[in-house]
Amino acid sequence: HSYGGEVISNVQPKTANVKALVYVAAFSPDIGESAASLS
């Protein structure tokens, strides 16, 4: 949710099997983007 979308976007799992991402009123930034720049 919100800034939490940035967090899940930047998770780098080494062993976990992440199958899906769900963004709830959230930022999903590209590399180099921030919440402030997107806003």
Full PDB file with SEQRES, HELIX, SHEET, SSBOND, CRYST1, ORIGX, SCALE, CONECT and MASTER records, all heavy atoms in Angstrom:
SEQRES   1 A   39  HIS SER TYR GLY GLY GLU VAL ILE SER ASN VAL GLN PRO          
SEQRES   2 A   39  LYS THR ALA ASN VAL LYS ALA LEU VAL TYR VAL ALA ALA          
SEQRES   3 A   39  PHE SER PRO ASP ILE GLY GLU SER ALA ALA SER LEU SER          
HELIX    1 AA1 TYR A    3  ASN A   10  1                                   8    
HELIX    2 AA2 ALA A   35  LEU A   38  1                                   4    
CRYST1    1.000    1.000    1.000  90.00  90.00  90.00 P 1           1          
ORIGX1      1.000000  0.000000  0.000000        0.00000                         
ORIGX2      0.000000  1.000000  0.000000        0.00000                         
ORIGX3      0.000000  0.000000  1.000000        0.00000                         
SCALE1      1.000000  0.000000  0.000000        0.00000                         
SCALE2      0.000000  1.000000  0.000000        0.00000                         
SCALE3      0.000000  0.000000  1.000000        0.00000                         
ATOM      1  N   HIS A   1       0.847  -1.198   0.000  1.00  0.00           N  
ATOM      2  CA  HIS A   1       0.000   0.000   0.000  1.00  0.00           C  
ATOM      3  C   HIS A   1       0.877   1.241   0.000  1.00  0.00           C  
ATOM      4  O   HIS A   1       1.836   1.329   0.771  1.00  0.00           O  
ATOM      5  CB  HIS A   1      -0.903   0.022   1.236  1.00  0.00           C  
ATOM      6  CG  HIS A   1      -1.649   1.320   1.410  1.00  0.00           C  
ATOM      7  ND1 HIS A   1      -1.481   2.134   2.508  1.00  0.00           N  
ATOM      8  CD2 HIS A   1      -2.550   1.946   0.607  1.00  0.00           C  
ATOM      9  CE1 HIS A   1      -2.259   3.204   2.379  1.00  0.00           C  
ATOM     10  NE2 HIS A   1      -2.908   3.111   1.240  1.00  0.00           N  
ATOM     11  N   SER A   2       0.581   2.185  -0.879  1.00  0.00           N  
ATOM     12  CA  SER A   2       1.240   3.479  -0.897  1.00  0.00           C  
ATOM     13  C   SER A   2       2.761   3.323  -1.034  1.00  0.00           C  
ATOM     14  O   SER A   2       3.236   2.684  -1.972  1.00  0.00           O  
ATOM     15  CB  SER A   2       0.859   4.246   0.374  1.00  0.00           C  
ATOM     16  OG  SER A   2       1.253   5.590   0.308  1.00  0.00           O  
ATOM     17  N   TYR A   3       3.536   3.847  -0.092  1.00  0.00           N  
ATOM     18  CA  TYR A   3       4.988   3.668  -0.093  1.00  0.00           C  
ATOM     19  C   TYR A   3       5.368   2.193  -0.012  1.00  0.00           C  
ATOM     20  O   TYR A   3       6.437   1.789  -0.506  1.00  0.00           O  
ATOM     21  CB  TYR A   3       5.580   4.456   1.087  1.00  0.00           C  
ATOM     22  CG  TYR A   3       7.012   4.129   1.426  1.00  0.00           C  
ATOM     23  CD1 TYR A   3       8.071   4.685   0.700  1.00  0.00           C  
ATOM     24  CD2 TYR A   3       7.309   3.272   2.483  1.00  0.00           C  
ATOM     25  CE1 TYR A   3       9.386   4.392   1.031  1.00  0.00           C  
ATOM     26  CE2 TYR A   3       8.612   2.973   2.817  1.00  0.00           C  
ATOM     27  CZ  TYR A   3       9.658   3.525   2.087  1.00  0.00           C  
ATOM     28  OH  TYR A   3      10.958   3.229   2.421  1.00  0.00           O  
ATOM     29  N   GLY A   4       4.489   1.365   0.546  1.00  0.00           N  
ATOM     30  CA  GLY A   4       4.740  -0.080   0.576  1.00  0.00           C  
ATOM     31  C   GLY A   4       4.882  -0.671  -0.812  1.00  0.00           C  
ATOM     32  O   GLY A   4       5.525  -1.707  -1.003  1.00  0.00           O  
ATOM     33  N   GLY A   5       4.289  -0.009  -1.821  1.00  0.00           N  
ATOM     34  CA  GLY A   5       4.471  -0.447  -3.197  1.00  0.00           C  
ATOM     35  C   GLY A   5       5.909  -0.292  -3.647  1.00  0.00           C  
ATOM     36  O   GLY A   5       6.441  -1.120  -4.396  1.00  0.00           O  
ATOM     37  N   GLU A   6       6.565   0.787  -3.196  1.00  0.00           N  
ATOM     38  CA  GLU A   6       7.986   0.954  -3.491  1.00  0.00           C  
ATOM     39  C   GLU A   6       8.811  -0.152  -2.854  1.00  0.00           C  
ATOM     40  O   GLU A   6       9.768  -0.661  -3.443  1.00  0.00           O  
ATOM     41  CB  GLU A   6       8.465   2.300  -2.975  1.00  0.00           C  
ATOM     42  CG  GLU A   6       7.882   3.488  -3.699  1.00  0.00           C  
ATOM     43  CD  GLU A   6       8.567   4.772  -3.288  1.00  0.00           C  
ATOM     44  OE1 GLU A   6       9.669   5.054  -3.813  1.00  0.00           O  
ATOM     45  OE2 GLU A   6       7.996   5.490  -2.447  1.00  0.00           O  
ATOM     46  N   VAL A   7       8.430  -0.518  -1.644  1.00  0.00           N  
ATOM     47  CA  VAL A   7       9.166  -1.556  -0.933  1.00  0.00           C  
ATOM     48  C   VAL A   7       9.066  -2.888  -1.663  1.00  0.00           C  
ATOM     49  O   VAL A   7      10.078  -3.548  -1.920  1.00  0.00           O  
ATOM     50  CB  VAL A   7       8.672  -1.681   0.524  1.00  0.00           C  
ATOM     51  CG1 VAL A   7       9.324  -2.878   1.214  1.00  0.00           C  
ATOM     52  CG2 VAL A   7       8.974  -0.400   1.299  1.00  0.00           C  
ATOM     53  N   ILE A   8       7.859  -3.307  -2.039  1.00  0.00           N  
ATOM     54  CA  ILE A   8       7.736  -4.606  -2.716  1.00  0.00           C  
ATOM     55  C   ILE A   8       8.391  -4.565  -4.093  1.00  0.00           C  
ATOM     56  O   ILE A   8       8.895  -5.585  -4.570  1.00  0.00           O  
ATOM     57  CB  ILE A   8       6.278  -5.097  -2.796  1.00  0.00           C  
ATOM     58  CG1 ILE A   8       5.407  -4.228  -3.707  1.00  0.00           C  
ATOM     59  CG2 ILE A   8       5.663  -5.200  -1.406  1.00  0.00           C  
ATOM     60  CD1 ILE A   8       4.025  -4.828  -3.992  1.00  0.00           C  
ATOM     61  N   SER A   9       8.410  -3.413  -4.730  1.00  0.00           N  
ATOM     62  CA  SER A   9       9.068  -3.290  -6.035  1.00  0.00           C  
ATOM     63  C   SER A   9      10.573  -3.489  -5.925  1.00  0.00           C  
ATOM     64  O   SER A   9      11.229  -3.885  -6.887  1.00  0.00           O  
ATOM     65  CB  SER A   9       8.790  -1.915  -6.651  1.00  0.00           C  
ATOM     66  OG  SER A   9       7.426  -1.750  -6.963  1.00  0.00           O  
ATOM     67  N   ASN A  10      11.119  -3.189  -4.748  1.00  0.00           N  
ATOM     68  CA  ASN A  10      12.570  -3.261  -4.546  1.00  0.00           C  
ATOM     69  C   ASN A  10      13.011  -4.492  -3.777  1.00  0.00           C  
ATOM     70  O   ASN A  10      14.205  -4.652  -3.501  1.00  0.00           O  
ATOM     71  CB  ASN A  10      13.052  -1.992  -3.845  1.00  0.00           C  
ATOM     72  CG  ASN A  10      13.196  -0.827  -4.807  1.00  0.00           C  
ATOM     73  OD1 ASN A  10      14.247  -0.595  -5.377  1.00  0.00           O  
ATOM     74  ND2 ASN A  10      12.100  -0.103  -5.005  1.00  0.00           N  
ATOM     75  N   VAL A  11      12.078  -5.368  -3.417  1.00  0.00           N  
ATOM     76  CA  VAL A  11      12.450  -6.641  -2.820  1.00  0.00           C  
ATOM     77  C   VAL A  11      13.239  -7.446  -3.849  1.00  0.00           C  
ATOM     78  O   VAL A  11      12.879  -7.492  -5.028  1.00  0.00           O  
ATOM     79  CB  VAL A  11      11.195  -7.417  -2.371  1.00  0.00           C  
ATOM     80  CG1 VAL A  11      11.507  -8.879  -2.107  1.00  0.00           C  
ATOM     81  CG2 VAL A  11      10.609  -6.772  -1.111  1.00  0.00           C  
ATOM     82  N   GLN A  12      14.327  -8.064  -3.387  1.00  0.00           N  
ATOM     83  CA  GLN A  12      15.169  -8.867  -4.275  1.00  0.00           C  
ATOM     84  C   GLN A  12      15.309 -10.277  -3.703  1.00  0.00           C  
ATOM     85  O   GLN A  12      16.321 -10.615  -3.087  1.00  0.00           O  
ATOM     86  CB  GLN A  12      16.544  -8.208  -4.422  1.00  0.00           C  
ATOM     87  CG  GLN A  12      16.527  -6.945  -5.259  1.00  0.00           C  
ATOM     88  CD  GLN A  12      16.203  -7.238  -6.711  1.00  0.00           C  
ATOM     89  OE1 GLN A  12      17.019  -7.797  -7.430  1.00  0.00           O  
ATOM     90  NE2 GLN A  12      15.011  -6.893  -7.142  1.00  0.00           N  
ATOM     91  N   PRO A  13      14.294 -11.109  -3.900  1.00  0.00           N  
ATOM     92  CA  PRO A  13      14.300 -12.439  -3.291  1.00  0.00           C  
ATOM     93  C   PRO A  13      15.421 -13.311  -3.840  1.00  0.00           C  
ATOM     94  O   PRO A  13      15.683 -13.321  -5.040  1.00  0.00           O  
ATOM     95  CB  PRO A  13      12.922 -12.995  -3.657  1.00  0.00           C  
ATOM     96  CG  PRO A  13      12.520 -12.248  -4.891  1.00  0.00           C  
ATOM     97  CD  PRO A  13      13.104 -10.886  -4.731  1.00  0.00           C  
ATOM     98  N   LYS A  14      16.050 -14.038  -2.933  1.00  0.00           N  
ATOM     99  CA  LYS A  14      17.124 -14.943  -3.328  1.00  0.00           C  
ATOM    100  C   LYS A  14      16.615 -16.374  -3.429  1.00  0.00           C  
ATOM    101  O   LYS A  14      17.054 -17.144  -4.267  1.00  0.00           O  
ATOM    102  CB  LYS A  14      18.274 -14.850  -2.329  1.00  0.00           C  
ATOM    103  CG  LYS A  14      18.906 -13.464  -2.251  1.00  0.00           C  
ATOM    104  CD  LYS A  14      19.955 -13.396  -1.165  1.00  0.00           C  
ATOM    105  CE  LYS A  14      20.569 -11.990  -1.087  1.00  0.00           C  
ATOM    106  NZ  LYS A  14      19.587 -10.961  -0.733  1.00  0.00           N  
ATOM    107  N   THR A  15      15.688 -16.719  -2.544  1.00  0.00           N  
ATOM    108  CA  THR A  15      15.159 -18.084  -2.547  1.00  0.00           C  
ATOM    109  C   THR A  15      13.638 -18.118  -2.665  1.00  0.00           C  
ATOM    110  O   THR A  15      13.080 -19.131  -3.065  1.00  0.00           O  
ATOM    111  CB  THR A  15      15.567 -18.819  -1.256  1.00  0.00           C  
ATOM    112  OG1 THR A  15      15.057 -18.106  -0.122  1.00  0.00           O  
ATOM    113  CG2 THR A  15      17.079 -18.905  -1.141  1.00  0.00           C  
ATOM    114  N   ALA A  16      12.976 -17.041  -2.311  1.00  0.00           N  
ATOM    115  CA  ALA A  16      11.512 -17.044  -2.296  1.00  0.00           C  
ATOM    116  C   ALA A  16      10.935 -17.111  -3.706  1.00  0.00           C  
ATOM    117  O   ALA A  16      11.503 -16.575  -4.656  1.00  0.00           O  
ATOM    118  CB  ALA A  16      10.982 -15.810  -1.580  1.00  0.00           C  
ATOM    119  N   ASN A  17       9.780 -17.739  -3.799  1.00  0.00           N  
ATOM    120  CA  ASN A  17       9.070 -17.856  -5.062  1.00  0.00           C  
ATOM    121  C   ASN A  17       7.958 -16.811  -5.098  1.00  0.00           C  
ATOM    122  O   ASN A  17       6.816 -17.095  -4.763  1.00  0.00           O  
ATOM    123  CB  ASN A  17       8.488 -19.263  -5.206  1.00  0.00           C  
ATOM    124  CG  ASN A  17       7.643 -19.418  -6.454  1.00  0.00           C  
ATOM    125  OD1 ASN A  17       7.772 -18.648  -7.411  1.00  0.00           O  
ATOM    126  ND2 ASN A  17       6.754 -20.406  -6.447  1.00  0.00           N  
ATOM    127  N   VAL A  18       8.310 -15.581  -5.467  1.00  0.00           N  
ATOM    128  CA  VAL A  18       7.310 -14.517  -5.551  1.00  0.00           C  
ATOM    129  C   VAL A  18       6.568 -14.663  -6.874  1.00  0.00           C  
ATOM    130  O   VAL A  18       7.162 -14.525  -7.942  1.00  0.00           O  
ATOM    131  CB  VAL A  18       7.957 -13.125  -5.441  1.00  0.00           C  
ATOM    132  CG1 VAL A  18       6.900 -12.034  -5.600  1.00  0.00           C  
ATOM    133  CG2 VAL A  18       8.689 -12.971  -4.110  1.00  0.00           C  
ATOM    134  N   LYS A  19       5.276 -14.946  -6.790  1.00  0.00           N  
ATOM    135  CA  LYS A  19       4.514 -15.220  -8.009  1.00  0.00           C  
ATOM    136  C   LYS A  19       3.692 -14.028  -8.476  1.00  0.00           C  
ATOM    137  O   LYS A  19       3.279 -13.982  -9.639  1.00  0.00           O  
ATOM    138  CB  LYS A  19       3.592 -16.423  -7.804  1.00  0.00           C  
ATOM    139  CG  LYS A  19       2.468 -16.232  -6.796  1.00  0.00           C  
ATOM    140  CD  LYS A  19       1.408 -17.345  -6.921  1.00  0.00           C  
ATOM    141  CE  LYS A  19       0.675 -17.270  -8.236  1.00  0.00           C  
ATOM    142  NZ  LYS A  19      -0.399 -18.280  -8.368  1.00  0.00           N  
ATOM    143  N   ALA A  20       3.416 -13.060  -7.592  1.00  0.00           N  
ATOM    144  CA  ALA A  20       2.558 -11.943  -7.978  1.00  0.00           C  
ATOM    145  C   ALA A  20       2.804 -10.749  -7.072  1.00  0.00           C  
ATOM    146  O   ALA A  20       3.190 -10.890  -5.909  1.00  0.00           O  
ATOM    147  CB  ALA A  20       1.089 -12.353  -7.909  1.00  0.00           C  
ATOM    148  N   LEU A  21       2.555  -9.569  -7.628  1.00  0.00           N  
ATOM    149  CA  LEU A  21       2.614  -8.309  -6.892  1.00  0.00           C  
ATOM    150  C   LEU A  21       1.246  -7.648  -6.984  1.00  0.00           C  
ATOM    151  O   LEU A  21       0.635  -7.625  -8.060  1.00  0.00           O  
ATOM    152  CB  LEU A  21       3.659  -7.373  -7.497  1.00  0.00           C  
ATOM    153  CG  LEU A  21       5.079  -7.912  -7.667  1.00  0.00           C  
ATOM    154  CD1 LEU A  21       5.923  -6.917  -8.479  1.00  0.00           C  
ATOM    155  CD2 LEU A  21       5.725  -8.169  -6.318  1.00  0.00           C  
ATOM    156  N   VAL A  22       0.781  -7.117  -5.860  1.00  0.00           N  
ATOM    157  CA  VAL A  22      -0.492  -6.399  -5.858  1.00  0.00           C  
ATOM    158  C   VAL A  22      -0.250  -5.010  -5.274  1.00  0.00           C  
ATOM    159  O   VAL A  22       0.218  -4.876  -4.140  1.00  0.00           O  
ATOM    160  CB  VAL A  22      -1.575  -7.127  -5.045  1.00  0.00           C  
ATOM    161  CG1 VAL A  22      -2.896  -6.363  -5.127  1.00  0.00           C  
ATOM    162  CG2 VAL A  22      -1.762  -8.554  -5.554  1.00  0.00           C  
ATOM    163  N   TYR A  23      -0.578  -3.993  -6.063  1.00  0.00           N  
ATOM    164  CA  TYR A  23      -0.375  -2.606  -5.652  1.00  0.00           C  
ATOM    165  C   TYR A  23      -1.716  -2.003  -5.249  1.00  0.00           C  
ATOM    166  O   TYR A  23      -2.631  -1.906  -6.064  1.00  0.00           O  
ATOM    167  CB  TYR A  23       0.249  -1.805  -6.796  1.00  0.00           C  
ATOM    168  CG  TYR A  23       1.664  -2.229  -7.115  1.00  0.00           C  
ATOM    169  CD1 TYR A  23       1.928  -3.214  -8.057  1.00  0.00           C  
ATOM    170  CD2 TYR A  23       2.738  -1.658  -6.433  1.00  0.00           C  
ATOM    171  CE1 TYR A  23       3.228  -3.611  -8.332  1.00  0.00           C  
ATOM    172  CE2 TYR A  23       4.049  -2.054  -6.707  1.00  0.00           C  
ATOM    173  CZ  TYR A  23       4.283  -3.023  -7.645  1.00  0.00           C  
ATOM    174  OH  TYR A  23       5.572  -3.420  -7.921  1.00  0.00           O  
ATOM    175  N   VAL A  24      -1.813  -1.621  -3.984  1.00  0.00           N  
ATOM    176  CA  VAL A  24      -3.055  -1.087  -3.425  1.00  0.00           C  
ATOM    177  C   VAL A  24      -2.853   0.406  -3.153  1.00  0.00           C  
ATOM    178  O   VAL A  24      -2.175   0.776  -2.195  1.00  0.00           O  
ATOM    179  CB  VAL A  24      -3.430  -1.837  -2.134  1.00  0.00           C  
ATOM    180  CG1 VAL A  24      -4.728  -1.269  -1.550  1.00  0.00           C  
ATOM    181  CG2 VAL A  24      -3.566  -3.332  -2.397  1.00  0.00           C  
ATOM    182  N   ALA A  25      -3.418   1.245  -4.026  1.00  0.00           N  
ATOM    183  CA  ALA A  25      -3.200   2.696  -3.916  1.00  0.00           C  
ATOM    184  C   ALA A  25      -1.721   2.965  -3.692  1.00  0.00           C  
ATOM    185  O   ALA A  25      -1.326   3.665  -2.760  1.00  0.00           O  
ATOM    186  CB  ALA A  25      -4.044   3.280  -2.777  1.00  0.00           C  
ATOM    187  N   ALA A  26      -0.895   2.398  -4.560  1.00  0.00           N  
ATOM    188  CA  ALA A  26       0.541   2.320  -4.288  1.00  0.00           C  
ATOM    189  C   ALA A  26       1.393   2.853  -5.431  1.00  0.00           C  
ATOM    190  O   ALA A  26       0.995   2.862  -6.597  1.00  0.00           O  
ATOM    191  CB  ALA A  26       0.931   0.874  -4.008  1.00  0.00           C  
ATOM    192  N   PHE A  27       2.607   3.246  -5.045  1.00  0.00           N  
ATOM    193  CA  PHE A  27       3.636   3.570  -6.026  1.00  0.00           C  
ATOM    194  C   PHE A  27       4.240   2.273  -6.569  1.00  0.00           C  
ATOM    195  O   PHE A  27       4.498   1.329  -5.819  1.00  0.00           O  
ATOM    196  CB  PHE A  27       4.756   4.386  -5.378  1.00  0.00           C  
ATOM    197  CG  PHE A  27       4.373   5.789  -5.021  1.00  0.00           C  
ATOM    198  CD1 PHE A  27       4.188   6.159  -3.697  1.00  0.00           C  
ATOM    199  CD2 PHE A  27       4.210   6.755  -6.002  1.00  0.00           C  
ATOM    200  CE1 PHE A  27       3.849   7.463  -3.353  1.00  0.00           C  
ATOM    201  CE2 PHE A  27       3.863   8.063  -5.682  1.00  0.00           C  
ATOM    202  CZ  PHE A  27       3.683   8.415  -4.347  1.00  0.00           C  
ATOM    203  N   SER A  28       4.480   2.252  -7.866  1.00  0.00           N  
ATOM    204  CA  SER A  28       5.246   1.164  -8.480  1.00  0.00           C  
ATOM    205  C   SER A  28       6.306   1.822  -9.363  1.00  0.00           C  
ATOM    206  O   SER A  28       6.165   1.874 -10.585  1.00  0.00           O  
ATOM    207  CB  SER A  28       4.339   0.227  -9.293  1.00  0.00           C  
ATOM    208  OG  SER A  28       3.505   0.942 -10.185  1.00  0.00           O  
ATOM    209  N   PRO A  29       7.347   2.347  -8.746  1.00  0.00           N  
ATOM    210  CA  PRO A  29       8.332   3.150  -9.476  1.00  0.00           C  
ATOM    211  C   PRO A  29       9.228   2.328 -10.391  1.00  0.00           C  
ATOM    212  O   PRO A  29       9.484   1.148 -10.145  1.00  0.00           O  
ATOM    213  CB  PRO A  29       9.157   3.777  -8.350  1.00  0.00           C  
ATOM    214  CG  PRO A  29       9.068   2.786  -7.240  1.00  0.00           C  
ATOM    215  CD  PRO A  29       7.674   2.220  -7.322  1.00  0.00           C  
ATOM    216  N   ASP A  30       9.696   2.970 -11.419  1.00  0.00           N  
ATOM    217  CA  ASP A  30      10.748   2.391 -12.255  1.00  0.00           C  
ATOM    218  C   ASP A  30      12.089   2.732 -11.607  1.00  0.00           C  
ATOM    219  O   ASP A  30      12.170   3.561 -10.690  1.00  0.00           O  
ATOM    220  CB  ASP A  30      10.666   2.965 -13.666  1.00  0.00           C  
ATOM    221  CG  ASP A  30      11.357   2.080 -14.699  1.00  0.00           C  
ATOM    222  OD1 ASP A  30      12.096   1.147 -14.298  1.00  0.00           O  
ATOM    223  OD2 ASP A  30      11.170   2.331 -15.905  1.00  0.00           O  
ATOM    224  N   ILE A  31      13.140   2.112 -12.082  1.00  0.00           N  
ATOM    225  CA  ILE A  31      14.479   2.376 -11.554  1.00  0.00           C  
ATOM    226  C   ILE A  31      14.796   3.869 -11.719  1.00  0.00           C  
ATOM    227  O   ILE A  31      14.609   4.445 -12.792  1.00  0.00           O  
ATOM    228  CB  ILE A  31      15.519   1.507 -12.280  1.00  0.00           C  
ATOM    229  CG1 ILE A  31      15.245   0.023 -11.986  1.00  0.00           C  
ATOM    230  CG2 ILE A  31      16.928   1.885 -11.852  1.00  0.00           C  
ATOM    231  CD1 ILE A  31      16.041  -0.929 -12.855  1.00  0.00           C  
ATOM    232  N   GLY A  32      15.235   4.487 -10.630  1.00  0.00           N  
ATOM    233  CA  GLY A  32      15.573   5.902 -10.647  1.00  0.00           C  
ATOM    234  C   GLY A  32      14.451   6.821 -10.233  1.00  0.00           C  
ATOM    235  O   GLY A  32      14.677   8.015  -9.996  1.00  0.00           O  
ATOM    236  N   GLU A  33      13.234   6.298 -10.126  1.00  0.00           N  
ATOM    237  CA  GLU A  33      12.095   7.110  -9.720  1.00  0.00           C  
ATOM    238  C   GLU A  33      11.878   7.009  -8.208  1.00  0.00           C  
ATOM    239  O   GLU A  33      12.205   6.004  -7.580  1.00  0.00           O  
ATOM    240  CB  GLU A  33      10.825   6.652 -10.433  1.00  0.00           C  
ATOM    241  CG  GLU A  33      10.833   6.900 -11.930  1.00  0.00           C  
ATOM    242  CD  GLU A  33       9.577   6.387 -12.619  1.00  0.00           C  
ATOM    243  OE1 GLU A  33       8.861   5.541 -12.032  1.00  0.00           O  
ATOM    244  OE2 GLU A  33       9.328   6.822 -13.760  1.00  0.00           O  
ATOM    245  N   SER A  34      11.282   8.039  -7.647  1.00  0.00           N  
ATOM    246  CA  SER A  34      10.940   8.064  -6.227  1.00  0.00           C  
ATOM    247  C   SER A  34       9.477   8.455  -6.073  1.00  0.00           C  
ATOM    248  O   SER A  34       8.821   8.871  -7.042  1.00  0.00           O  
ATOM    249  CB  SER A  34      11.808   9.084  -5.488  1.00  0.00           C  
ATOM    250  OG  SER A  34      11.499  10.400  -5.925  1.00  0.00           O  
ATOM    251  N   ALA A  35       8.984   8.358  -4.847  1.00  0.00           N  
ATOM    252  CA  ALA A  35       7.617   8.812  -4.579  1.00  0.00           C  
ATOM    253  C   ALA A  35       7.489  10.296  -4.905  1.00  0.00           C  
ATOM    254  O   ALA A  35       6.503  10.735  -5.513  1.00  0.00           O  
ATOM    255  CB  ALA A  35       7.269   8.557  -3.115  1.00  0.00           C  
ATOM    256  N   ALA A  36       8.493  11.062  -4.524  1.00  0.00           N  
ATOM    257  CA  ALA A  36       8.439  12.503  -4.764  1.00  0.00           C  
ATOM    258  C   ALA A  36       8.458  12.830  -6.256  1.00  0.00           C  
ATOM    259  O   ALA A  36       7.703  13.689  -6.726  1.00  0.00           O  
ATOM    260  CB  ALA A  36       9.605  13.190  -4.061  1.00  0.00           C  
ATOM    261  N   SER A  37       9.307  12.144  -7.017  1.00  0.00           N  
ATOM    262  CA  SER A  37       9.394  12.453  -8.447  1.00  0.00           C  
ATOM    263  C   SER A  37       8.115  12.057  -9.179  1.00  0.00           C  
ATOM    264  O   SER A  37       7.662  12.769 -10.079  1.00  0.00           O  
ATOM    265  CB  SER A  37      10.612  11.770  -9.072  1.00  0.00           C  
ATOM    266  OG  SER A  37      10.465  10.354  -9.104  1.00  0.00           O  
ATOM    267  N   LEU A  38       7.522  10.934  -8.796  1.00  0.00           N  
ATOM    268  CA  LEU A  38       6.271  10.513  -9.428  1.00  0.00           C  
ATOM    269  C   LEU A  38       5.125  11.444  -9.058  1.00  0.00           C  
ATOM    270  O   LEU A  38       4.284  11.777  -9.904  1.00  0.00           O  
ATOM    271  CB  LEU A  38       5.938   9.075  -9.033  1.00  0.00           C  
ATOM    272  CG  LEU A  38       6.750   8.000  -9.753  1.00  0.00           C  
ATOM    273  CD1 LEU A  38       6.611   6.655  -9.038  1.00  0.00           C  
ATOM    274  CD2 LEU A  38       6.312   7.863 -11.208  1.00  0.00           C  
ATOM    275  N   SER A  39       5.098  11.889  -7.804  1.00  0.00           N  
ATOM    276  CA  SER A  39       4.049  12.822  -7.389  1.00  0.00           C  
ATOM    277  C   SER A  39       4.176  14.139  -8.135  1.00  0.00           C  
ATOM    278  O   SER A  39       3.170  14.740  -8.536  1.00  0.00           O  
ATOM    279  CB  SER A  39       4.139  13.068  -5.881  1.00  0.00           C  
ATOM    280  OG  SER A  39       3.854  11.886  -5.158  1.00  0.00           O  
TER     281      SER A  39                                                      
MASTER        0    0    0    2    0    0    0    6  280    1    0    3          
END                                                                             
